[in-house]
Amino acid sequence: MSQQERPRVDHADLQWCHESVQGVSRTFALTVDVLDEPMSSYICLGYLVCRIADTVEDASHIPPGDQTELLRTYDAVLDPDDGTSAEAFAADVEHYLPDDEEMTEDWAVVRDSPRVLRTFQSLPEDVQRAVVPPARELVQGMAEFVERYEDEGGLRIQTGSELEEYCYYAAGTVGNLITNLVTRHDVAADRRRRLYDTAEEFGLLLQLVNISKDVYDDYTAEDNVYLPAEWLREAGVPQEEIVDDEHEASAASVVKRTAEYAGSFLDDAQTYLETVPLRDGNTLEAWAIPFLLAVGTLRELLSRPEDALSSTGVKISREEVLAVVTEMSNGASREALDDLRREIAAEPYHRTG
């Protein structure tokens, strides 16, 4: 990370936010680590602002009606024209916090949301204006989906179009948030248009990869089924029996279908990487690393989709992650992305060459 001065906020609070990202998402922490300042802190805070809502939305122990109300309160906190305080949200969510011995990094961030938001509100005003609208759209979309399936207890995506709608709220909005941040200064009109035309697709790619590989954990730990009921029905799989052994082959075909759907966004995501401005601390590797890791994960998913239906899970090795990070951190250019994507799609990158 660059030694340039970080944004003029409380150093202890900002350091805590950076440490918190390391705890809640190793993948996103890779992005923050290879950004320079001030973008590293802008993205770190923007991510935590969104992660608070994501943790509430994923909490199967909170009754859906209460989840919706918590998300709406959090949206009001983010609304610059509303007087709801972060402390009010923290007080409302306190009842649902795990005990100290069960406290996770995710819930620690929710518990300390006033600290996150105080730090975020110390960032430059143009940064806050870039982050707040897409973050609020994410929160509002999550609240809408929780309310939509309130009687089910967890999300039960019904159609392919609804899956894309959900992924837009969960990740397409984050693509727009990032683009808002990197286009705050002068950007040529055609370049700006190309960025916004592909930003959502970049987010959809990453979200659909996660949905494809996390079927087992999403269902068993969070009571959510994101594989569309219509796709499962076509394969003869009841949505509530998605991880049953008797349906493994058929359910795996739907995992593969979802992974192939994710792959349809690879070209647009690559266009985004080839277009994104590299200034204000933004770096190519920050976004190329998750893109290339998604390519590797898709390779594994398409090879063994059934692993997504059990605790075995689908993931790429630490050796491959390190090889990708090292390649990009050593100065790989935009022009190299196409070759890297092709090589990683064919075999684990640490085994190439």
Protein backbone atom coordinates (compact mmCIF):
# COMPACT_ATOMS: atom_id res chain seq x y z
CA MET A 1 0.00 0.00 0.00
CA SER A 2 1.21 3.47 -0.83
CA GLN A 3 2.68 5.59 1.93
CA GLN A 4 0.75 8.63 0.76
CA GLU A 5 -1.23 10.32 3.51
CA ARG A 6 -4.58 8.75 4.22
CA PRO A 7 -7.74 10.88 4.30
CA ARG A 8 -7.85 13.32 7.21
CA VAL A 9 -9.97 11.27 9.60
CA ASP A 10 -9.33 9.86 13.03
CA HIS A 11 -6.35 7.56 12.53
CA ALA A 12 -7.46 4.96 15.09
CA ASP A 13 -10.94 4.73 13.57
CA LEU A 14 -9.59 4.46 10.04
CA GLN A 15 -7.07 1.80 11.05
CA TRP A 16 -9.85 -0.15 12.76
CA CYS A 17 -11.91 0.00 9.55
CA HIS A 18 -9.00 -1.35 7.51
CA GLU A 19 -8.48 -4.15 10.04
CA SER A 20 -12.20 -4.94 9.99
CA VAL A 21 -12.19 -5.46 6.23
CA GLN A 22 -9.44 -8.02 6.71
CA GLY A 23 -11.74 -9.90 9.08
CA VAL A 24 -15.01 -9.83 7.15
CA SER A 25 -13.78 -10.61 3.64
CA ARG A 26 -10.41 -12.02 2.70
CA THR A 27 -11.27 -11.58 -0.98
CA PHE A 28 -12.20 -7.92 -0.67
CA ALA A 29 -9.26 -7.35 1.65
CA LEU A 30 -7.03 -8.30 -1.29
CA THR A 31 -8.59 -5.44 -3.25
CA VAL A 32 -8.12 -2.91 -0.46
CA ASP A 33 -4.53 -4.04 0.07
CA VAL A 34 -3.49 -3.39 -3.52
CA LEU A 35 -5.19 -0.01 -3.81
CA ASP A 36 -3.15 3.08 -3.00
CA GLU A 37 -4.33 5.96 -0.88
CA PRO A 38 -6.71 7.67 -0.83
CA MET A 39 -8.75 5.17 -2.89
CA SER A 40 -7.85 2.33 -0.52
CA SER A 41 -9.67 4.06 2.33
CA TYR A 42 -12.53 5.24 0.14
CA ILE A 43 -13.22 1.69 -1.04
CA CYS A 44 -12.66 0.25 2.44
CA LEU A 45 -15.28 2.54 3.96
CA GLY A 46 -17.70 2.14 1.06
CA TYR A 47 -17.47 -1.62 1.41
CA LEU A 48 -18.09 -1.59 5.17
CA VAL A 49 -21.10 0.70 4.74
CA CYS A 50 -22.60 -1.93 2.42
CA ARG A 51 -21.43 -4.91 4.47
CA ILE A 52 -23.44 -3.80 7.50
CA ALA A 53 -26.66 -4.19 5.50
CA ASP A 54 -25.49 -7.47 3.98
CA THR A 55 -24.89 -8.98 7.43
CA VAL A 56 -28.39 -8.02 8.59
CA GLU A 57 -29.93 -9.38 5.40
CA ASP A 58 -28.14 -12.73 5.80
CA ALA A 59 -29.10 -13.16 9.47
CA SER A 60 -31.43 -16.15 9.62
CA HIS A 61 -31.87 -15.71 13.40
CA ILE A 62 -33.62 -12.35 12.93
CA PRO A 63 -37.35 -12.57 12.08
CA PRO A 64 -37.87 -11.29 8.52
CA GLY A 65 -40.16 -8.47 9.62
CA ASP A 66 -37.52 -7.24 12.03
CA GLN A 67 -34.84 -7.58 9.35
CA THR A 68 -36.86 -5.34 7.08
CA GLU A 69 -37.30 -2.71 9.78
CA LEU A 70 -33.60 -2.78 10.64
CA LEU A 71 -32.67 -2.32 6.99
CA ARG A 72 -35.11 0.57 6.64
CA THR A 73 -33.69 2.20 9.75
CA TYR A 74 -30.19 1.79 8.33
CA ASP A 75 -31.34 3.35 5.05
CA ALA A 76 -32.64 6.32 7.02
CA VAL A 77 -29.23 6.63 8.72
CA LEU A 78 -27.60 6.87 5.28
CA ASP A 79 -30.15 9.41 4.02
CA PRO A 80 -28.49 12.84 4.36
CA ASP A 81 -31.94 14.45 4.65
CA ASP A 82 -33.07 12.21 7.51
CA GLY A 83 -32.12 12.79 11.13
CA THR A 84 -31.92 9.12 12.15
CA SER A 85 -28.62 8.52 13.94
CA ALA A 86 -26.25 5.59 13.62
CA GLU A 87 -26.64 5.14 17.36
CA ALA A 88 -30.39 4.58 16.86
CA PHE A 89 -29.67 1.79 14.39
CA ALA A 90 -27.08 0.28 16.73
CA ALA A 91 -29.59 0.32 19.58
CA ASP A 92 -32.24 -1.40 17.44
CA VAL A 93 -29.86 -4.13 16.29
CA GLU A 94 -28.30 -4.73 19.72
CA HIS A 95 -30.94 -7.30 20.69
CA TYR A 96 -29.83 -9.52 17.79
CA LEU A 97 -26.09 -9.36 18.36
CA PRO A 98 -24.37 -12.67 19.18
CA ASP A 99 -22.98 -13.19 22.68
CA ASP A 100 -19.40 -12.07 23.19
CA GLU A 101 -18.01 -15.59 22.85
CA GLU A 102 -19.88 -16.02 19.54
CA MET A 103 -19.20 -12.56 18.16
CA THR A 104 -17.95 -12.70 14.56
CA GLU A 105 -16.04 -10.03 12.66
CA ASP A 106 -19.18 -9.31 10.60
CA TRP A 107 -21.30 -8.70 13.66
CA ALA A 108 -18.59 -6.66 15.34
CA VAL A 109 -18.82 -4.28 12.38
CA VAL A 110 -22.62 -4.12 12.78
CA ARG A 111 -22.25 -3.56 16.53
CA ASP A 112 -19.76 -0.76 15.90
CA SER A 113 -21.63 0.71 12.93
CA PRO A 114 -21.56 4.20 14.49
CA ARG A 115 -17.76 4.05 14.29
CA VAL A 116 -17.88 2.99 10.65
CA LEU A 117 -20.33 5.73 9.75
CA ARG A 118 -18.50 8.39 11.77
CA THR A 119 -15.34 7.55 9.85
CA PHE A 120 -17.17 7.49 6.52
CA GLN A 121 -18.74 10.88 7.21
CA SER A 122 -15.25 12.31 7.75
CA LEU A 123 -14.31 11.56 4.14
CA PRO A 124 -14.49 14.31 1.49
CA GLU A 125 -18.01 15.31 0.54
CA ASP A 126 -17.62 14.25 -3.08
CA VAL A 127 -16.64 10.76 -1.88
CA GLN A 128 -19.72 10.55 0.32
CA ARG A 129 -21.90 11.68 -2.59
CA ALA A 130 -20.39 8.94 -4.73
CA VAL A 131 -21.06 6.20 -2.17
CA VAL A 132 -24.40 7.02 -0.57
CA PRO A 133 -26.87 6.67 -3.49
CA PRO A 134 -25.75 3.19 -4.63
CA ALA A 135 -25.33 2.07 -1.00
CA ARG A 136 -28.89 3.16 -0.24
CA GLU A 137 -30.14 1.39 -3.37
CA LEU A 138 -28.43 -1.78 -2.11
CA VAL A 139 -30.05 -1.45 1.33
CA GLN A 140 -33.49 -0.71 -0.12
CA GLY A 141 -33.24 -3.66 -2.50
CA MET A 142 -32.27 -6.01 0.31
CA ALA A 143 -35.19 -4.79 2.40
CA GLU A 144 -37.53 -5.38 -0.55
CA PHE A 145 -36.33 -8.96 -1.02
CA VAL A 146 -36.54 -9.81 2.69
CA GLU A 147 -40.08 -8.44 2.77
CA ARG A 148 -41.00 -10.27 -0.44
CA TYR A 149 -40.13 -13.63 1.16
CA GLU A 150 -41.12 -12.79 4.72
CA ASP A 151 -43.48 -15.77 4.91
CA GLU A 152 -40.79 -18.18 3.67
CA GLY A 153 -38.29 -17.39 6.42
CA GLY A 154 -35.49 -17.03 3.87
CA LEU A 155 -35.05 -15.91 0.28
CA ARG A 156 -36.40 -18.26 -2.39
CA ILE A 157 -35.52 -16.87 -5.80
CA GLN A 158 -38.16 -17.91 -8.32
CA THR A 159 -36.96 -16.97 -11.80
CA GLY A 160 -33.84 -16.12 -13.75
CA SER A 161 -34.95 -12.51 -14.07
CA GLU A 162 -35.47 -12.29 -10.30
CA LEU A 163 -32.01 -13.73 -9.76
CA GLU A 164 -30.55 -10.94 -11.91
CA GLU A 165 -32.64 -8.38 -10.01
CA TYR A 166 -31.28 -9.65 -6.70
CA CYS A 167 -27.70 -9.67 -7.98
CA TYR A 168 -28.11 -6.10 -9.18
CA TYR A 169 -29.09 -4.92 -5.71
CA ALA A 170 -26.41 -7.01 -3.97
CA ALA A 171 -23.51 -6.28 -6.32
CA GLY A 172 -24.46 -4.24 -9.39
CA THR A 173 -24.98 -1.31 -7.06
CA VAL A 174 -21.44 -1.82 -5.75
CA GLY A 175 -20.15 -1.68 -9.32
CA ASN A 176 -21.85 1.69 -9.68
CA LEU A 177 -20.43 2.81 -6.32
CA ILE A 178 -16.90 2.03 -7.47
CA THR A 179 -17.51 3.77 -10.78
CA ASN A 180 -18.86 6.85 -9.02
CA LEU A 181 -15.63 7.01 -7.04
CA VAL A 182 -13.24 6.59 -9.98
CA THR A 183 -15.09 9.07 -12.21
CA ARG A 184 -15.36 11.95 -9.73
CA HIS A 185 -12.91 13.95 -11.84
CA ASP A 186 -12.91 14.71 -15.56
CA VAL A 187 -13.52 11.60 -17.68
CA ALA A 188 -14.24 11.66 -21.41
CA ALA A 189 -17.94 11.13 -22.16
CA ASP A 190 -17.45 7.95 -24.19
CA ARG A 191 -15.20 6.45 -21.53
CA ARG A 192 -17.67 7.33 -18.78
CA ARG A 193 -20.51 5.77 -20.76
CA ARG A 194 -18.50 2.57 -21.35
CA LEU A 195 -17.75 2.32 -17.63
CA TYR A 196 -21.35 2.69 -16.55
CA ASP A 197 -22.47 0.32 -19.31
CA THR A 198 -20.28 -2.44 -17.84
CA ALA A 199 -20.06 -1.63 -14.11
CA GLU A 200 -23.21 -3.52 -13.16
CA GLU A 201 -22.12 -6.53 -15.20
CA PHE A 202 -18.82 -6.65 -13.31
CA GLY A 203 -20.78 -6.80 -10.07
CA LEU A 204 -23.19 -9.41 -11.44
CA LEU A 205 -20.29 -11.63 -12.49
CA LEU A 206 -18.80 -11.69 -8.99
CA GLN A 207 -22.17 -12.14 -7.26
CA LEU A 208 -23.28 -14.98 -9.54
CA VAL A 209 -19.98 -16.79 -9.01
CA ASN A 210 -20.55 -16.55 -5.25
CA ILE A 211 -24.14 -17.78 -5.60
CA SER A 212 -23.00 -20.71 -7.73
CA LYS A 213 -20.27 -21.85 -5.36
CA ASP A 214 -22.02 -21.19 -2.03
CA VAL A 215 -25.27 -23.11 -2.51
CA TYR A 216 -24.71 -25.40 0.48
CA ASP A 217 -23.74 -22.70 2.97
CA ASP A 218 -26.41 -20.29 1.76
CA TYR A 219 -29.10 -22.90 2.41
CA THR A 220 -27.83 -24.62 5.55
CA ALA A 221 -26.46 -21.56 7.36
CA GLU A 222 -28.71 -18.75 6.12
CA ASP A 223 -31.84 -20.53 4.81
CA ASN A 224 -31.54 -18.82 1.43
CA VAL A 225 -31.89 -20.46 -1.98
CA TYR A 226 -30.69 -18.31 -4.84
CA LEU A 227 -30.82 -20.95 -7.59
CA PRO A 228 -34.12 -20.08 -9.31
CA ALA A 229 -37.06 -22.34 -8.54
CA GLU A 230 -38.00 -22.44 -12.23
CA TRP A 231 -34.54 -23.76 -13.18
CA LEU A 232 -34.64 -26.33 -10.38
CA ARG A 233 -38.16 -27.38 -11.36
CA GLU A 234 -37.04 -27.95 -14.94
CA ALA A 235 -34.33 -30.26 -13.54
CA GLY A 236 -36.81 -32.05 -11.25
CA VAL A 237 -35.41 -30.67 -7.98
CA PRO A 238 -37.72 -29.28 -5.25
CA GLN A 239 -36.20 -26.03 -3.97
CA GLU A 240 -36.35 -27.24 -0.36
CA GLU A 241 -34.40 -30.40 -1.28
CA ILE A 242 -31.59 -28.65 -3.08
CA VAL A 243 -28.77 -30.25 -1.08
CA ASP A 244 -30.33 -33.72 -0.73
CA ASP A 245 -28.08 -36.49 -2.03
CA GLU A 246 -30.83 -37.99 -4.17
CA HIS A 247 -30.95 -34.81 -6.29
CA GLU A 248 -27.20 -34.25 -6.55
CA ALA A 249 -26.81 -34.78 -10.29
CA SER A 250 -29.88 -32.75 -11.21
CA ALA A 251 -29.12 -29.92 -8.79
CA ALA A 252 -25.53 -29.88 -10.04
CA SER A 253 -26.84 -29.21 -13.54
CA VAL A 254 -28.53 -26.08 -12.19
CA VAL A 255 -25.33 -25.01 -10.43
CA LYS A 256 -23.57 -25.39 -13.77
CA ARG A 257 -26.30 -23.41 -15.53
CA THR A 258 -25.89 -20.60 -12.99
CA ALA A 259 -22.12 -20.66 -13.39
CA GLU A 260 -22.50 -20.46 -17.17
CA TYR A 261 -24.84 -17.51 -16.68
CA ALA A 262 -22.13 -15.86 -14.57
CA GLY A 263 -19.66 -16.50 -17.36
CA SER A 264 -21.83 -14.54 -19.78
CA PHE A 265 -20.72 -11.37 -17.96
CA LEU A 266 -16.99 -11.99 -18.32
CA ASP A 267 -16.57 -9.95 -21.50
CA ASP A 268 -18.26 -6.87 -20.06
CA ALA A 269 -16.29 -7.21 -16.83
CA GLN A 270 -13.06 -7.33 -18.82
CA THR A 271 -14.11 -4.24 -20.78
CA TYR A 272 -14.61 -2.48 -17.46
CA LEU A 273 -11.07 -3.38 -16.39
CA GLU A 274 -9.69 -2.18 -19.71
CA THR A 275 -11.47 1.16 -19.28
CA VAL A 276 -11.33 2.06 -15.57
CA PRO A 277 -9.21 5.17 -14.75
CA LEU A 278 -6.07 4.47 -12.74
CA ARG A 279 -5.65 7.55 -10.57
CA ASP A 280 -6.52 8.86 -7.12
CA GLY A 281 -4.95 5.66 -5.77
CA ASN A 282 -6.93 3.34 -8.02
CA THR A 283 -4.97 0.40 -9.46
CA LEU A 284 -5.63 -2.20 -12.12
CA GLU A 285 -4.72 -5.09 -9.82
CA ALA A 286 -7.41 -4.13 -7.31
CA TRP A 287 -10.14 -5.15 -9.75
CA ALA A 288 -8.24 -7.57 -11.99
CA ILE A 289 -7.47 -9.87 -9.05
CA PRO A 290 -11.15 -10.57 -8.15
CA PHE A 291 -11.95 -10.84 -11.86
CA LEU A 292 -9.24 -13.46 -12.46
CA LEU A 293 -10.10 -15.33 -9.26
CA ALA A 294 -13.70 -15.47 -10.51
CA VAL A 295 -12.42 -16.98 -13.76
CA GLY A 296 -10.59 -19.64 -11.76
CA THR A 297 -13.62 -20.34 -9.58
CA LEU A 298 -15.81 -20.72 -12.67
CA ARG A 299 -13.31 -23.25 -14.01
CA GLU A 300 -13.70 -25.31 -10.84
CA LEU A 301 -17.47 -24.92 -10.79
CA LEU A 302 -17.88 -26.10 -14.35
CA SER A 303 -15.58 -29.04 -13.62
CA ARG A 304 -17.25 -30.19 -10.39
CA PRO A 305 -20.58 -28.37 -9.86
CA GLU A 306 -21.71 -31.03 -7.37
CA ASP A 307 -19.13 -29.76 -4.86
CA ALA A 308 -21.24 -26.62 -4.41
CA LEU A 309 -24.00 -28.79 -2.95
CA SER A 310 -22.01 -30.15 -0.01
CA SER A 311 -19.68 -28.98 2.70
CA THR A 312 -16.83 -29.79 0.31
CA GLY A 313 -17.47 -26.47 -1.36
CA VAL A 314 -15.89 -24.95 -4.45
CA LYS A 315 -12.75 -22.91 -4.15
CA ILE A 316 -9.42 -22.34 -5.77
CA SER A 317 -6.20 -23.09 -3.96
CA ARG A 318 -4.16 -20.65 -1.93
CA GLU A 319 -1.30 -21.33 -4.32
CA GLU A 320 -3.37 -20.11 -7.25
CA VAL A 321 -4.57 -17.05 -5.37
CA LEU A 322 -0.98 -16.18 -4.53
CA ALA A 323 0.12 -16.71 -8.13
CA VAL A 324 -2.62 -14.39 -9.45
CA VAL A 325 -1.94 -11.72 -6.83
CA THR A 326 1.80 -11.90 -7.52
CA GLU A 327 1.32 -11.65 -11.29
CA MET A 328 -0.90 -8.58 -11.05
CA SER A 329 1.17 -6.94 -8.31
CA ASN A 330 4.28 -7.30 -10.47
CA GLY A 331 2.84 -4.95 -13.04
CA ALA A 332 0.72 -7.02 -15.43
CA SER A 333 -0.94 -4.64 -17.89
CA ARG A 334 -4.45 -4.32 -19.27
CA GLU A 335 -3.15 -5.89 -22.48
CA ALA A 336 -2.26 -9.05 -20.54
CA LEU A 337 -5.79 -9.62 -19.21
CA ASP A 338 -7.03 -11.59 -22.18
CA ASP A 339 -4.13 -14.06 -22.03
CA LEU A 340 -4.37 -14.36 -18.25
CA ARG A 341 -8.10 -15.01 -18.45
CA ARG A 342 -7.59 -17.72 -21.09
CA GLU A 343 -4.78 -19.42 -19.16
CA ILE A 344 -6.68 -19.42 -15.85
CA ALA A 345 -9.84 -20.76 -17.52
CA ALA A 346 -7.78 -23.71 -18.76
CA GLU A 347 -5.89 -24.69 -15.61
CA PRO A 348 -4.81 -23.39 -12.17
CA TYR A 349 -2.52 -20.43 -12.76
CA HIS A 350 0.28 -21.62 -10.51
CA ARG A 351 0.61 -24.67 -12.75
CA THR A 352 0.97 -22.74 -16.01
CA GLY A 353 4.23 -22.13 -17.80
